[in-house]
C-alpha atoms as a PDB file:
ATOM      1  CA  UNK A   1      10.377 -14.306  22.625  1.00  0.00           C
ATOM      2  CA  UNK A   2      10.438 -13.108  19.043  1.00  0.00           C
ATOM      3  CA  UNK A   3      10.535  -9.347  18.634  1.00  0.00           C
ATOM      4  CA  UNK A   4       7.832  -7.613  16.642  1.00  0.00           C
ATOM      5  CA  UNK A   5       7.453  -4.296  14.870  1.00  0.00           C
ATOM      6  CA  UNK A   6       4.546  -2.122  13.809  1.00  0.00           C
ATOM      7  CA  UNK A   7       4.005   0.556  11.182  1.00  0.00           C
ATOM      8  CA  UNK A   8       1.254   3.116  11.682  1.00  0.00           C
ATOM      9  CA  UNK A   9      -0.064   4.940   8.651  1.00  0.00           C
ATOM     10  CA  UNK A  10      -1.923   8.222   8.855  1.00  0.00           C
ATOM     11  CA  UNK A  11      -2.973   9.690   5.528  1.00  0.00           C
ATOM     12  CA  UNK A  12      -4.725  12.462   3.674  1.00  0.00           C
ATOM     13  CA  UNK A  13      -7.859  11.480   1.827  1.00  0.00           C
ATOM     14  CA  UNK A  14      -7.069  10.607  -1.770  1.00  0.00           C
ATOM     15  CA  UNK A  15      -3.359  10.026  -1.133  1.00  0.00           C
ATOM     16  CA  UNK A  16      -3.932   6.262  -1.586  1.00  0.00           C
ATOM     17  CA  UNK A  17      -2.663   5.435   1.894  1.00  0.00           C
ATOM     18  CA  UNK A  18      -4.788   2.298   2.160  1.00  0.00           C
ATOM     19  CA  UNK A  19      -3.556   0.611  -1.054  1.00  0.00           C
ATOM     20  CA  UNK A  20      -0.002   1.602  -0.100  1.00  0.00           C
ATOM     21  CA  UNK A  21      -0.482  -0.113   3.273  1.00  0.00           C
ATOM     22  CA  UNK A  22      -1.879  -3.171   1.499  1.00  0.00           C
ATOM     23  CA  UNK A  23       1.141  -3.409  -0.798  1.00  0.00           C
ATOM     24  CA  UNK A  24       3.545  -2.921   2.098  1.00  0.00           C
ATOM     25  CA  UNK A  25       1.860  -5.735   3.997  1.00  0.00           C
ATOM     26  CA  UNK A  26       2.298  -8.066   1.007  1.00  0.00           C
ATOM     27  CA  UNK A  27       5.971  -7.160   0.646  1.00  0.00           C
ATOM     28  CA  UNK A  28       6.674  -7.612   4.340  1.00  0.00           C
ATOM     29  CA  UNK A  29       4.466 -10.707   4.664  1.00  0.00           C
ATOM     30  CA  UNK A  30       2.528  -9.229   7.568  1.00  0.00           C
ATOM     31  CA  UNK A  31      -1.113  -8.256   8.056  1.00  0.00           C
ATOM     32  CA  UNK A  32      -2.519  -4.774   7.854  1.00  0.00           C
ATOM     33  CA  UNK A  33      -5.531  -3.647   9.842  1.00  0.00           C
ATOM     34  CA  UNK A  34      -8.058  -0.987   8.943  1.00  0.00           C
ATOM     35  CA  UNK A  35     -11.790  -1.765   8.843  1.00  0.00           C
ATOM     36  CA  UNK A  36     -11.022  -5.114  10.485  1.00  0.00           C
ATOM     37  CA  UNK A  37     -10.740  -3.186  13.745  1.00  0.00           C
ATOM     38  CA  UNK A  38     -14.394  -2.123  13.478  1.00  0.00           C
ATOM     39  CA  UNK A  39     -15.434  -5.770  13.092  1.00  0.00           C
ATOM     40  CA  UNK A  40     -13.401  -6.709  16.177  1.00  0.00           C
ATOM     41  CA  UNK A  41     -14.928  -3.828  18.123  1.00  0.00           C
ATOM     42  CA  UNK A  42     -18.428  -4.965  17.138  1.00  0.00           C
ATOM     43  CA  UNK A  43     -17.695  -8.418  18.530  1.00  0.00           C
ATOM     44  CA  UNK A  44     -16.306  -6.932  21.741  1.00  0.00           C
ATOM     45  CA  UNK A  45     -19.377  -4.710  22.158  1.00  0.00           C
ATOM     46  CA  UNK A  46     -21.659  -7.632  21.254  1.00  0.00           C
ATOM     47  CA  UNK A  47     -23.262  -5.511  18.580  1.00  0.00           C
ATOM     48  CA  UNK A  48     -23.775  -6.050  14.849  1.00  0.00           C
ATOM     49  CA  UNK A  49     -21.057  -4.487  12.707  1.00  0.00           C
ATOM     50  CA  UNK A  50     -23.690  -2.180  11.216  1.00  0.00           C
ATOM     51  CA  UNK A  51     -24.484  -0.716  14.648  1.00  0.00           C
ATOM     52  CA  UNK A  52     -20.836  -0.120  15.505  1.00  0.00           C
ATOM     53  CA  UNK A  53     -20.290   1.373  12.052  1.00  0.00           C
ATOM     54  CA  UNK A  54     -23.143   3.778  12.694  1.00  0.00           C
ATOM     55  CA  UNK A  55     -21.496   4.883  15.941  1.00  0.00           C
ATOM     56  CA  UNK A  56     -18.170   5.318  14.179  1.00  0.00           C
ATOM     57  CA  UNK A  57     -19.378   6.636  10.844  1.00  0.00           C
ATOM     58  CA  UNK A  58     -22.886   8.033  11.197  1.00  0.00           C
ATOM     59  CA  UNK A  59     -24.260   6.091   8.266  1.00  0.00           C
ATOM     60  CA  UNK A  60     -23.167   3.760   5.539  1.00  0.00           C
ATOM     61  CA  UNK A  61     -22.502   6.050   2.584  1.00  0.00           C
ATOM     62  CA  UNK A  62     -18.903   6.610   1.517  1.00  0.00           C
ATOM     63  CA  UNK A  63     -19.248  10.284   2.356  1.00  0.00           C
ATOM     64  CA  UNK A  64     -20.455   9.532   5.885  1.00  0.00           C
ATOM     65  CA  UNK A  65     -17.811   6.877   6.436  1.00  0.00           C
ATOM     66  CA  UNK A  66     -15.000   9.229   5.526  1.00  0.00           C
ATOM     67  CA  UNK A  67     -16.352  12.496   6.911  1.00  0.00           C
ATOM     68  CA  UNK A  68     -17.354  11.167  10.299  1.00  0.00           C
ATOM     69  CA  UNK A  69     -14.909   8.518  11.529  1.00  0.00           C
ATOM     70  CA  UNK A  70     -16.639   8.672  14.907  1.00  0.00           C
ATOM     71  CA  UNK A  71     -20.132   9.433  13.665  1.00  0.00           C
ATOM     72  CA  UNK A  72     -22.544  11.895  15.214  1.00  0.00           C
ATOM     73  CA  UNK A  73     -23.774   9.673  18.028  1.00  0.00           C
ATOM     74  CA  UNK A  74     -23.457  10.304  21.739  1.00  0.00           C
ATOM     75  CA  UNK A  75     -19.953  11.318  22.729  1.00  0.00           C
ATOM     76  CA  UNK A  76     -19.862   8.691  25.477  1.00  0.00           C
ATOM     77  CA  UNK A  77     -20.542   5.943  22.942  1.00  0.00           C
ATOM     78  CA  UNK A  78     -17.866   7.307  20.626  1.00  0.00           C
ATOM     79  CA  UNK A  79     -15.400   7.453  23.505  1.00  0.00           C
ATOM     80  CA  UNK A  80     -16.229   3.884  24.501  1.00  0.00           C
ATOM     81  CA  UNK A  81     -15.674   2.727  20.945  1.00  0.00           C
ATOM     82  CA  UNK A  82     -12.319   4.499  20.834  1.00  0.00           C
ATOM     83  CA  UNK A  83     -11.270   2.808  24.079  1.00  0.00           C
ATOM     84  CA  UNK A  84     -12.242  -0.599  22.732  1.00  0.00           C
ATOM     85  CA  UNK A  85     -10.409   0.016  19.471  1.00  0.00           C
ATOM     86  CA  UNK A  86      -7.396   1.187  21.467  1.00  0.00           C
ATOM     87  CA  UNK A  87      -7.297  -2.129  23.339  1.00  0.00           C
ATOM     88  CA  UNK A  88      -7.747  -4.068  20.104  1.00  0.00           C
ATOM     89  CA  UNK A  89      -4.805  -2.253  18.529  1.00  0.00           C
ATOM     90  CA  UNK A  90      -2.511  -2.850  21.507  1.00  0.00           C
ATOM     91  CA  UNK A  91      -3.528  -6.516  21.629  1.00  0.00           C
ATOM     92  CA  UNK A  92      -2.735  -6.914  17.921  1.00  0.00           C
ATOM     93  CA  UNK A  93       0.763  -5.447  18.201  1.00  0.00           C
ATOM     94  CA  UNK A  94       1.451  -7.534  21.300  1.00  0.00           C
ATOM     95  CA  UNK A  95       1.051 -10.700  19.257  1.00  0.00           C
ATOM     96  CA  UNK A  96       2.293  -9.888  15.749  1.00  0.00           C
ATOM     97  CA  UNK A  97       4.151  -7.508  13.497  1.00  0.00           C
ATOM     98  CA  UNK A  98       1.650  -5.517  11.457  1.00  0.00           C
ATOM     99  CA  UNK A  99       0.531  -2.292   9.820  1.00  0.00           C
ATOM    100  CA  UNK A 100      -2.246  -0.236  11.427  1.00  0.00           C
ATOM    101  CA  UNK A 101      -4.062   2.314   9.270  1.00  0.00           C
ATOM    102  CA  UNK A 102      -5.564   5.355  10.962  1.00  0.00           C
ATOM    103  CA  UNK A 103      -7.534   5.388  14.229  1.00  0.00           C
ATOM    104  CA  UNK A 104      -4.884   7.433  16.064  1.00  0.00           C
ATOM    105  CA  UNK A 105      -2.654   4.362  16.096  1.00  0.00           C
ATOM    106  CA  UNK A 106       0.431   6.581  16.171  1.00  0.00           C
ATOM    107  CA  UNK A 107      -0.823   8.055  19.442  1.00  0.00           C
ATOM    108  CA  UNK A 108      -2.046   4.759  20.872  1.00  0.00           C
ATOM    109  CA  UNK A 109       1.346   3.135  20.203  1.00  0.00           C
ATOM    110  CA  UNK A 110       3.456   6.150  21.176  1.00  0.00           C
ATOM    111  CA  UNK A 111       5.357   4.127  23.786  1.00  0.00           C
ATOM    112  CA  UNK A 112       5.801   1.019  21.633  1.00  0.00           C
ATOM    113  CA  UNK A 113       9.500   0.366  21.049  1.00  0.00           C
ATOM    114  CA  UNK A 114       9.628  -0.968  17.485  1.00  0.00           C
ATOM    115  CA  UNK A 115       7.246   1.448  15.814  1.00  0.00           C
ATOM    116  CA  UNK A 116       7.522   3.610  12.697  1.00  0.00           C
ATOM    117  CA  UNK A 117       4.900   6.323  12.224  1.00  0.00           C
ATOM    118  CA  UNK A 118       4.220   7.307   8.618  1.00  0.00           C
ATOM    119  CA  UNK A 119       2.162  10.193   7.254  1.00  0.00           C
ATOM    120  CA  UNK A 120       1.149   9.896   3.594  1.00  0.00           C
ATOM    121  CA  UNK A 121       0.083  13.018   1.743  1.00  0.00           C
ATOM    122  CA  UNK A 122      -0.122  14.362  -1.805  1.00  0.00           C
ATOM    123  CA  UNK A 123      -0.853  17.689  -3.525  1.00  0.00           C
ATOM    124  CA  UNK A 124      -4.521  18.540  -3.987  1.00  0.00           C
ATOM    125  CA  UNK A 125      -4.454  17.951  -7.747  1.00  0.00           C
ATOM    126  CA  UNK A 126      -2.966  14.483  -7.341  1.00  0.00           C
ATOM    127  CA  UNK A 127      -5.547  13.562  -4.737  1.00  0.00           C
ATOM    128  CA  UNK A 128      -8.331  14.934  -6.920  1.00  0.00           C
ATOM    129  CA  UNK A 129      -7.063  12.797  -9.801  1.00  0.00           C
ATOM    130  CA  UNK A 130      -6.972   9.717  -7.544  1.00  0.00           C
ATOM    131  CA  UNK A 131     -10.515  10.327  -6.323  1.00  0.00           C
ATOM    132  CA  UNK A 132     -11.912  10.674  -9.828  1.00  0.00           C
ATOM    133  CA  UNK A 133      -9.917   7.872 -11.461  1.00  0.00           C
ATOM    134  CA  UNK A 134      -9.311   5.364  -8.659  1.00  0.00           C
ATOM    135  CA  UNK A 135     -12.377   5.908  -6.462  1.00  0.00           C
ATOM    136  CA  UNK A 136     -14.721   6.684  -9.360  1.00  0.00           C
ATOM    137  CA  UNK A 137     -16.097   9.873  -7.832  1.00  0.00           C
ATOM    138  CA  UNK A 138     -17.600  12.612  -9.897  1.00  0.00           C
ATOM    139  CA  UNK A 139     -15.434  15.771  -9.981  1.00  0.00           C
ATOM    140  CA  UNK A 140     -17.704  17.848  -7.728  1.00  0.00           C
ATOM    141  CA  UNK A 141     -17.941  15.108  -5.109  1.00  0.00           C
ATOM    142  CA  UNK A 142     -14.182  14.567  -5.211  1.00  0.00           C
ATOM    143  CA  UNK A 143     -13.413  18.193  -4.365  1.00  0.00           C
ATOM    144  CA  UNK A 144     -15.927  18.215  -1.537  1.00  0.00           C
ATOM    145  CA  UNK A 145     -14.710  14.923  -0.116  1.00  0.00           C
ATOM    146  CA  UNK A 146     -11.071  15.980  -0.031  1.00  0.00           C
ATOM    147  CA  UNK A 147     -11.914  19.060   2.009  1.00  0.00           C
ATOM    148  CA  UNK A 148     -14.450  17.449   4.319  1.00  0.00           C
ATOM    149  CA  UNK A 149     -12.598  14.207   5.012  1.00  0.00           C
ATOM    150  CA  UNK A 150      -9.355  16.045   5.756  1.00  0.00           C
ATOM    151  CA  UNK A 151     -11.245  18.272   8.176  1.00  0.00           C
ATOM    152  CA  UNK A 152     -12.925  15.296   9.859  1.00  0.00           C
ATOM    153  CA  UNK A 153      -9.669  13.384  10.242  1.00  0.00           C
ATOM    154  CA  UNK A 154      -7.988  16.450  11.681  1.00  0.00           C
ATOM    155  CA  UNK A 155     -10.757  16.883  14.254  1.00  0.00           C
ATOM    156  CA  UNK A 156     -10.686  13.186  15.136  1.00  0.00           C
ATOM    157  CA  UNK A 157      -6.932  13.140  15.644  1.00  0.00           C
ATOM    158  CA  UNK A 158      -6.892  16.339  17.686  1.00  0.00           C
ATOM    159  CA  UNK A 159      -9.751  15.062  19.837  1.00  0.00           C
ATOM    160  CA  UNK A 160      -8.010  11.877  20.918  1.00  0.00           C
ATOM    161  CA  UNK A 161      -4.296  12.390  20.237  1.00  0.00           C
ATOM    162  CA  UNK A 162      -4.351  16.133  21.055  1.00  0.00           C
ATOM    163  CA  UNK A 163      -2.127  16.927  18.078  1.00  0.00           C
ATOM    164  CA  UNK A 164      -2.531  17.225  14.319  1.00  0.00           C
ATOM    165  CA  UNK A 165      -2.018  14.044  12.276  1.00  0.00           C
ATOM    166  CA  UNK A 166       0.852  15.545  10.247  1.00  0.00           C
ATOM    167  CA  UNK A 167       2.704  16.970  13.265  1.00  0.00           C
ATOM    168  CA  UNK A 168       6.384  16.198  12.595  1.00  0.00           C
ATOM    169  CA  UNK A 169       7.042  15.836  16.320  1.00  0.00           C
ATOM    170  CA  UNK A 170       5.057  12.593  16.240  1.00  0.00           C
ATOM    171  CA  UNK A 171       5.992  11.245  12.813  1.00  0.00           C
ATOM    172  CA  UNK A 172       9.080   9.400  11.604  1.00  0.00           C
ATOM    173  CA  UNK A 173       8.478  10.040   7.919  1.00  0.00           C
ATOM    174  CA  UNK A 174       6.153  12.161   5.812  1.00  0.00           C
ATOM    175  CA  UNK A 175       5.967  11.104   2.173  1.00  0.00           C
ATOM    176  CA  UNK A 176       4.311  12.520  -0.933  1.00  0.00           C
ATOM    177  CA  UNK A 177       2.718   9.490  -2.582  1.00  0.00           C
ATOM    178  CA  UNK A 178       2.395  11.265  -5.936  1.00  0.00           C
ATOM    179  CA  UNK A 179       6.168  11.119  -6.438  1.00  0.00           C
ATOM    180  CA  UNK A 180       6.408   7.336  -6.757  1.00  0.00           C
ATOM    181  CA  UNK A 181       2.814   6.085  -6.906  1.00  0.00           C
ATOM    182  CA  UNK A 182       1.386   3.209  -4.887  1.00  0.00           C
ATOM    183  CA  UNK A 183       3.963   0.539  -5.693  1.00  0.00           C
ATOM    184  CA  UNK A 184       6.945   2.885  -5.596  1.00  0.00           C
ATOM    185  CA  UNK A 185       5.895   4.440  -2.292  1.00  0.00           C
ATOM    186  CA  UNK A 186       5.303   1.026  -0.772  1.00  0.00           C
ATOM    187  CA  UNK A 187       8.719  -0.204  -1.942  1.00  0.00           C
ATOM    188  CA  UNK A 188      10.424   2.901  -0.570  1.00  0.00           C
ATOM    189  CA  UNK A 189       8.773   2.543   2.826  1.00  0.00           C
ATOM    190  CA  UNK A 190       9.415  -1.194   3.004  1.00  0.00           C
ATOM    191  CA  UNK A 191      13.112  -0.593   2.295  1.00  0.00           C
ATOM    192  CA  UNK A 192      13.192   1.910   5.138  1.00  0.00           C
ATOM    193  CA  UNK A 193      11.454  -0.528   7.500  1.00  0.00           C
ATOM    194  CA  UNK A 194      13.949  -3.276   6.695  1.00  0.00           C
ATOM    195  CA  UNK A 195      16.898  -0.940   7.274  1.00  0.00           C
ATOM    196  CA  UNK A 196      15.436   0.316  10.545  1.00  0.00           C
ATOM    197  CA  UNK A 197      14.650  -3.161  11.880  1.00  0.00           C
ATOM    198  CA  UNK A 198      17.413  -5.052  10.076  1.00  0.00           C
ATOM    199  CA  UNK A 199      17.905  -7.476  12.987  1.00  0.00           C
ATOM    200  CA  UNK A 200      14.323  -8.726  12.483  1.00  0.00           C
ATOM    201  CA  UNK A 201      14.792  -9.687   8.834  1.00  0.00           C
END
């Protein structure tokens, strides 16, 4: 049976972790999963994607999506959604090499053999610049989002993983994306992946 590998990416808001994951997936010729997991969870729960998104995000605005990754619904529903997403993630890595963005995937896959856990961060000013120029936010919204989304992601990770997302005890590499930008960071990480799993390439 062919061996597989997985890369989990946890990131600060505005550090451009998602586009970095997308570029890595292209370079490695594998899929990356982010919002796709919500769509799979909706199918599993036999609910429209909009309903599952409401449970996860508490609304459809960008602010709600990022601030409340689990929404403000009943805790039991949020916990059920997490359990379903956990199974989806483990099923994905059991069948293919891939990149998983967020959703405590580093914790969920903590016992997976061929796994690299990445944390992407950047200084506040760099993230602010990314929010204004790449995400087209107004300056006031950008500052608020950086603070609130970081806080929400921290709470989410501590709730389910029981540790902070940037905890070095659970990460293989922490990288400042402002040093090399999206393409440079992706290339750097892909080179590391190929060296780590050289027998798979």
